[in-house]
Amino acid sequence: MTLSADTLLLRPWRAENAPALLTAYEDPVMRQWVRLPVSMPEEASRWLELQHEGWESGTRFSFAVTDAGRGGEWSATSR
């Protein structure tokens, strides 16, 4: 499932998003609002696995907010 609004594209997280997730979690403002810290590749992989499990079970629907102009990929310039 994907959703779009103007230049934003919301889509389920993918395993290959781990590097972008780690970059996003470097933001101190974001870190203050999250329950599960992500600062290491293993933590990013586990977080992404939890998101996938949530979609599969119907208990969690987490979206990656991405740049539609970049084909649904996250970029440092879109933060």
N, C-alpha and C. Protein backbone atom coordinates (compact mmCIF):
# COMPACT_ATOMS: atom_id res chain seq x y z
N MET A 1 0.84 -1.18 0.00
CA MET A 1 0.00 0.00 0.00
C MET A 1 0.89 1.24 0.00
N THR A 2 0.57 2.18 -0.85
CA THR A 2 1.24 3.47 -0.85
C THR A 2 0.19 4.57 -0.87
N LEU A 3 0.53 5.69 -0.29
CA LEU A 3 -0.33 6.87 -0.27
C LEU A 3 0.51 8.04 -0.73
N SER A 4 -0.11 9.01 -1.38
CA SER A 4 0.66 10.18 -1.79
C SER A 4 -0.10 11.45 -1.46
N ALA A 5 0.67 12.49 -1.23
CA ALA A 5 0.13 13.82 -0.97
C ALA A 5 1.15 14.82 -1.49
N ASP A 6 0.78 15.50 -2.55
CA ASP A 6 1.67 16.47 -3.18
C ASP A 6 2.97 15.77 -3.56
N THR A 7 4.10 16.18 -3.00
CA THR A 7 5.38 15.57 -3.36
C THR A 7 5.79 14.45 -2.42
N LEU A 8 4.95 14.12 -1.45
CA LEU A 8 5.28 13.06 -0.50
C LEU A 8 4.64 11.74 -0.92
N LEU A 9 5.36 10.66 -0.68
CA LEU A 9 4.86 9.32 -0.92
C LEU A 9 5.05 8.54 0.37
N LEU A 10 3.97 7.98 0.88
CA LEU A 10 4.03 7.15 2.08
C LEU A 10 3.94 5.70 1.63
N ARG A 11 4.88 4.88 2.10
CA ARG A 11 4.91 3.48 1.71
C ARG A 11 5.45 2.66 2.87
N PRO A 12 5.20 1.35 2.86
CA PRO A 12 5.77 0.51 3.91
C PRO A 12 7.29 0.58 3.88
N TRP A 13 7.89 0.40 5.04
CA TRP A 13 9.35 0.35 5.15
C TRP A 13 9.88 -0.89 4.46
N ARG A 14 11.11 -0.79 3.96
CA ARG A 14 11.80 -1.90 3.30
C ARG A 14 13.12 -2.16 4.02
N ALA A 15 13.60 -3.39 3.93
CA ALA A 15 14.86 -3.75 4.58
C ALA A 15 16.01 -2.86 4.12
N GLU A 16 16.00 -2.46 2.86
CA GLU A 16 17.09 -1.63 2.34
C GLU A 16 17.03 -0.18 2.85
N ASN A 17 16.02 0.14 3.64
CA ASN A 17 15.91 1.48 4.23
C ASN A 17 16.71 1.64 5.51
N ALA A 18 17.41 0.60 5.95
CA ALA A 18 18.16 0.67 7.21
C ALA A 18 19.13 1.86 7.25
N PRO A 19 19.94 2.12 6.23
CA PRO A 19 20.84 3.28 6.30
C PRO A 19 20.10 4.60 6.46
N ALA A 20 18.99 4.78 5.75
CA ALA A 20 18.21 6.02 5.87
C ALA A 20 17.60 6.13 7.26
N LEU A 21 17.17 5.00 7.81
CA LEU A 21 16.61 4.99 9.16
C LEU A 21 17.67 5.42 10.18
N LEU A 22 18.87 4.90 10.06
CA LEU A 22 19.95 5.29 10.96
C LEU A 22 20.25 6.79 10.85
N THR A 23 20.24 7.31 9.65
CA THR A 23 20.47 8.75 9.45
C THR A 23 19.36 9.56 10.10
N ALA A 24 18.12 9.15 9.92
CA ALA A 24 17.00 9.87 10.50
C ALA A 24 17.09 9.89 12.03
N TYR A 25 17.51 8.79 12.61
CA TYR A 25 17.60 8.71 14.07
C TYR A 25 18.77 9.51 14.65
N GLU A 26 19.61 10.07 13.80
CA GLU A 26 20.67 10.96 14.29
C GLU A 26 20.10 12.30 14.72
N ASP A 27 18.90 12.62 14.30
CA ASP A 27 18.26 13.90 14.64
C ASP A 27 17.82 13.87 16.11
N PRO A 28 18.37 14.76 16.96
CA PRO A 28 18.02 14.74 18.38
C PRO A 28 16.54 15.02 18.65
N VAL A 29 15.89 15.81 17.80
CA VAL A 29 14.47 16.09 17.99
C VAL A 29 13.66 14.81 17.77
N MET A 30 14.00 14.06 16.75
CA MET A 30 13.29 12.81 16.50
C MET A 30 13.50 11.82 17.64
N ARG A 31 14.73 11.72 18.12
CA ARG A 31 15.03 10.76 19.19
C ARG A 31 14.20 11.01 20.44
N GLN A 32 13.82 12.24 20.71
CA GLN A 32 13.05 12.52 21.92
C GLN A 32 11.63 12.00 21.84
N TRP A 33 11.14 11.67 20.64
CA TRP A 33 9.75 11.25 20.47
C TRP A 33 9.59 9.76 20.16
N VAL A 34 10.66 8.99 20.19
CA VAL A 34 10.55 7.57 19.83
C VAL A 34 10.71 6.68 21.05
N ARG A 35 10.05 5.53 21.00
CA ARG A 35 10.14 4.56 22.10
C ARG A 35 11.34 3.64 21.95
N LEU A 36 11.65 3.24 20.73
CA LEU A 36 12.74 2.31 20.48
C LEU A 36 13.90 3.03 19.82
N PRO A 37 14.99 3.25 20.54
CA PRO A 37 16.13 3.93 19.92
C PRO A 37 16.76 3.07 18.84
N VAL A 38 17.23 3.72 17.80
CA VAL A 38 17.89 3.04 16.69
C VAL A 38 19.20 3.78 16.43
N SER A 39 20.31 3.18 16.84
CA SER A 39 21.59 3.83 16.63
C SER A 39 22.63 2.89 16.03
N MET A 40 22.28 1.62 15.86
CA MET A 40 23.20 0.64 15.31
C MET A 40 22.49 -0.14 14.20
N PRO A 41 23.24 -0.66 13.23
CA PRO A 41 22.60 -1.41 12.14
C PRO A 41 21.71 -2.56 12.63
N GLU A 42 22.11 -3.24 13.69
CA GLU A 42 21.30 -4.34 14.22
C GLU A 42 19.95 -3.84 14.74
N GLU A 43 19.97 -2.66 15.38
CA GLU A 43 18.73 -2.06 15.89
C GLU A 43 17.83 -1.63 14.74
N ALA A 44 18.44 -1.09 13.69
CA ALA A 44 17.65 -0.69 12.52
C ALA A 44 17.00 -1.91 11.87
N SER A 45 17.75 -2.99 11.75
CA SER A 45 17.19 -4.22 11.17
C SER A 45 16.04 -4.74 12.01
N ARG A 46 16.20 -4.73 13.32
CA ARG A 46 15.14 -5.22 14.21
C ARG A 46 13.91 -4.31 14.12
N TRP A 47 14.11 -3.00 14.08
CA TRP A 47 13.00 -2.05 13.97
C TRP A 47 12.23 -2.30 12.68
N LEU A 48 12.95 -2.47 11.58
CA LEU A 48 12.31 -2.73 10.30
C LEU A 48 11.56 -4.06 10.33
N GLU A 49 12.12 -5.05 10.99
CA GLU A 49 11.46 -6.34 11.14
C GLU A 49 10.14 -6.19 11.91
N LEU A 50 10.16 -5.39 12.97
CA LEU A 50 8.94 -5.14 13.74
C LEU A 50 7.86 -4.48 12.88
N GLN A 51 8.27 -3.56 12.02
CA GLN A 51 7.30 -2.90 11.14
C GLN A 51 6.70 -3.92 10.18
N HIS A 52 7.53 -4.78 9.61
CA HIS A 52 7.04 -5.81 8.68
C HIS A 52 6.09 -6.76 9.40
N GLU A 53 6.45 -7.19 10.60
CA GLU A 53 5.59 -8.08 11.37
C GLU A 53 4.24 -7.41 11.66
N GLY A 54 4.27 -6.12 11.96
CA GLY A 54 3.03 -5.39 12.22
C GLY A 54 2.12 -5.35 11.01
N TRP A 55 2.69 -5.12 9.82
CA TRP A 55 1.88 -5.14 8.59
C TRP A 55 1.29 -6.53 8.38
N GLU A 56 2.12 -7.56 8.57
CA GLU A 56 1.67 -8.94 8.35
C GLU A 56 0.52 -9.32 9.29
N SER A 57 0.63 -8.90 10.55
CA SER A 57 -0.39 -9.28 11.54
C SER A 57 -1.57 -8.31 11.57
N GLY A 58 -1.42 -7.16 10.92
CA GLY A 58 -2.49 -6.16 10.94
C GLY A 58 -2.54 -5.36 12.23
N THR A 59 -1.44 -5.36 12.99
CA THR A 59 -1.42 -4.65 14.27
C THR A 59 -0.63 -3.34 14.23
N ARG A 60 0.13 -3.12 13.16
CA ARG A 60 0.95 -1.91 13.07
C ARG A 60 1.08 -1.54 11.61
N PHE A 61 0.84 -0.27 11.32
CA PHE A 61 0.96 0.22 9.95
C PHE A 61 1.85 1.45 9.94
N SER A 62 3.13 1.21 9.86
CA SER A 62 4.13 2.27 9.86
C SER A 62 4.53 2.57 8.42
N PHE A 63 4.61 3.84 8.10
CA PHE A 63 4.95 4.26 6.75
C PHE A 63 6.28 5.00 6.72
N ALA A 64 7.05 4.76 5.68
CA ALA A 64 8.21 5.59 5.37
C ALA A 64 7.67 6.78 4.59
N VAL A 65 7.99 7.98 5.02
CA VAL A 65 7.56 9.19 4.32
C VAL A 65 8.71 9.56 3.39
N THR A 66 8.45 9.48 2.10
CA THR A 66 9.52 9.62 1.12
C THR A 66 9.19 10.70 0.10
N ASP A 67 10.12 10.93 -0.78
CA ASP A 67 10.01 11.94 -1.83
C ASP A 67 9.49 11.30 -3.11
N ALA A 68 8.29 11.64 -3.51
CA ALA A 68 7.70 11.05 -4.72
C ALA A 68 8.54 11.36 -5.95
N GLY A 69 9.19 12.51 -5.98
CA GLY A 69 10.03 12.89 -7.11
C GLY A 69 11.28 12.06 -7.24
N ARG A 70 11.62 11.33 -6.18
CA ARG A 70 12.80 10.46 -6.21
C ARG A 70 12.37 8.99 -6.26
N GLY A 71 11.19 8.74 -6.75
CA GLY A 71 10.73 7.37 -6.89
C GLY A 71 10.40 6.69 -5.58
N GLY A 72 10.02 7.47 -4.57
CA GLY A 72 9.65 6.89 -3.28
C GLY A 72 10.83 6.61 -2.38
N GLU A 73 11.96 7.20 -2.69
CA GLU A 73 13.14 7.00 -1.85
C GLU A 73 13.34 8.21 -0.95
N TRP A 74 13.91 7.95 0.21
CA TRP A 74 14.22 8.98 1.18
C TRP A 74 15.52 9.65 0.77
N SER A 75 15.66 10.92 1.02
CA SER A 75 16.93 11.59 0.76
C SER A 75 17.21 12.57 1.89
N ALA A 76 18.47 12.79 2.15
CA ALA A 76 18.87 13.73 3.21
C ALA A 76 18.33 15.12 2.93
N THR A 77 18.13 15.46 1.68
CA THR A 77 17.64 16.80 1.35
C THR A 77 16.15 16.93 1.56
N SER A 78 15.44 15.80 1.78
CA SER A 78 13.99 15.90 1.96
C SER A 78 13.59 15.96 3.42
N ARG A 79 14.56 16.04 4.33
CA ARG A 79 14.25 16.13 5.75
C ARG A 79 13.76 17.51 6.08
